[in-house]
Amino acid sequence: MKKESSDVEKYIAERKARDAEFAAGFEEGWEVFRVGAMLAAAREEAGISQAELARRVGTARGNVCRWERAPSNMTLETLAKIATALGRSPVLSLKRA
């Protein structure tokens, strides 16, 4: 059974089709958002608060909040610290564009 697209999904698809700059920016923004969402989900699955993750990583809770919202400037070293604090390992891959 085919899933119906939402109005937002339709708008995004149409806009990406007619505006290459929007499409490129959307994909880049989506990847950043996705990383933050993965961090938040992993933290919640571990059953710990932002404050506790901050304590484990050795930073302020505000940084954890920012990483979960928009981790665009996060270093690989920081990502590794977060993963370790959550009992996980980061996985990096490079795929063809």
Protein backbone atom coordinates (compact mmCIF):
# COMPACT_ATOMS: atom_id res chain seq x y z
CA MET A 1 0.00 0.00 0.00
CA LYS A 2 1.41 3.40 -1.02
CA LYS A 3 1.74 5.99 1.73
CA GLU A 4 0.09 9.35 1.09
CA SER A 5 2.48 12.29 1.11
CA SER A 6 1.73 15.11 3.50
CA ASP A 7 1.28 18.66 2.26
CA VAL A 8 4.72 19.50 3.68
CA GLU A 9 6.35 16.57 1.89
CA LYS A 10 4.66 17.60 -1.38
CA TYR A 11 5.80 21.20 -0.96
CA ILE A 12 9.39 20.13 -0.26
CA ALA A 13 9.45 17.80 -3.27
CA GLU A 14 8.02 20.46 -5.59
CA ARG A 15 10.36 23.16 -4.27
CA LYS A 16 13.41 20.89 -4.59
CA ALA A 17 12.42 20.06 -8.17
CA ARG A 18 12.28 23.72 -9.23
CA ASP A 19 15.06 25.22 -7.06
CA ALA A 20 18.46 23.50 -7.04
CA GLU A 21 19.85 25.87 -4.39
CA PHE A 22 16.94 25.06 -2.07
CA ALA A 23 17.42 21.34 -2.74
CA ALA A 24 21.11 21.45 -1.86
CA GLY A 25 20.51 23.52 1.26
CA PHE A 26 17.62 21.34 2.35
CA GLU A 27 19.66 18.14 2.11
CA GLU A 28 22.54 19.66 4.05
CA GLY A 29 20.20 21.02 6.70
CA TRP A 30 18.36 17.72 6.91
CA GLU A 31 21.59 15.83 7.59
CA VAL A 32 22.49 18.21 10.42
CA PHE A 33 19.00 17.92 11.89
CA ARG A 34 19.14 14.12 11.60
CA VAL A 35 22.38 13.94 13.60
CA GLY A 36 20.86 16.01 16.40
CA ALA A 37 17.73 13.87 16.40
CA MET A 38 19.85 10.71 16.61
CA LEU A 39 21.77 12.14 19.57
CA ALA A 40 18.56 13.03 21.40
CA ALA A 41 17.04 9.61 20.68
CA ALA A 42 20.17 7.79 21.90
CA ARG A 43 20.24 9.87 25.08
CA GLU A 44 16.56 9.23 25.76
CA GLU A 45 16.99 5.52 25.04
CA ALA A 46 19.83 5.48 27.59
CA GLY A 47 17.39 7.00 30.07
CA ILE A 48 19.52 9.98 30.98
CA SER A 49 18.84 13.71 31.05
CA GLN A 50 20.71 16.38 29.13
CA ALA A 51 22.27 17.43 32.43
CA GLU A 52 23.56 13.91 33.09
CA LEU A 53 24.98 13.58 29.58
CA ALA A 54 26.68 16.95 30.02
CA ARG A 55 28.21 15.76 33.29
CA ARG A 56 29.49 12.57 31.64
CA VAL A 57 30.97 14.46 28.70
CA GLY A 58 32.38 17.26 30.87
CA THR A 59 30.43 20.17 29.44
CA ALA A 60 27.43 22.39 30.17
CA ARG A 61 23.85 21.21 29.70
CA GLY A 62 23.33 24.05 27.22
CA ASN A 63 25.88 22.45 24.90
CA VAL A 64 23.96 19.17 24.93
CA CYS A 65 20.77 21.07 24.11
CA ARG A 66 22.52 22.83 21.21
CA TRP A 67 23.99 19.58 19.89
CA GLU A 68 20.56 18.00 19.83
CA ARG A 69 19.07 21.00 17.98
CA ALA A 70 21.85 21.86 15.53
CA PRO A 71 25.15 19.95 15.81
CA SER A 72 26.63 21.59 12.70
CA ASN A 73 29.93 22.57 14.35
CA MET A 74 30.43 19.46 16.45
CA THR A 75 33.89 17.90 16.22
CA LEU A 76 34.45 14.19 15.74
CA GLU A 77 36.19 14.18 19.12
CA THR A 78 33.04 15.55 20.78
CA LEU A 79 30.87 13.04 18.95
CA ALA A 80 33.12 10.23 20.20
CA LYS A 81 32.84 11.53 23.79
CA ILE A 82 29.05 11.64 23.53
CA ALA A 83 28.90 8.14 22.06
CA THR A 84 31.11 6.78 24.85
CA ALA A 85 28.99 8.53 27.49
CA LEU A 86 25.94 6.81 26.00
CA GLY A 87 27.62 3.40 25.83
CA ARG A 88 27.76 3.52 22.04
CA SER A 89 30.28 3.84 19.21
CA PRO A 90 30.06 6.43 16.44
CA VAL A 91 29.94 5.11 12.90
CA LEU A 92 31.11 7.31 10.04
CA SER A 93 30.57 6.65 6.38
CA LEU A 94 31.17 8.54 3.15
CA LYS A 95 28.69 7.81 0.41
CA ARG A 96 28.61 8.93 -3.16
CA ALA A 97 26.60 12.07 -3.81
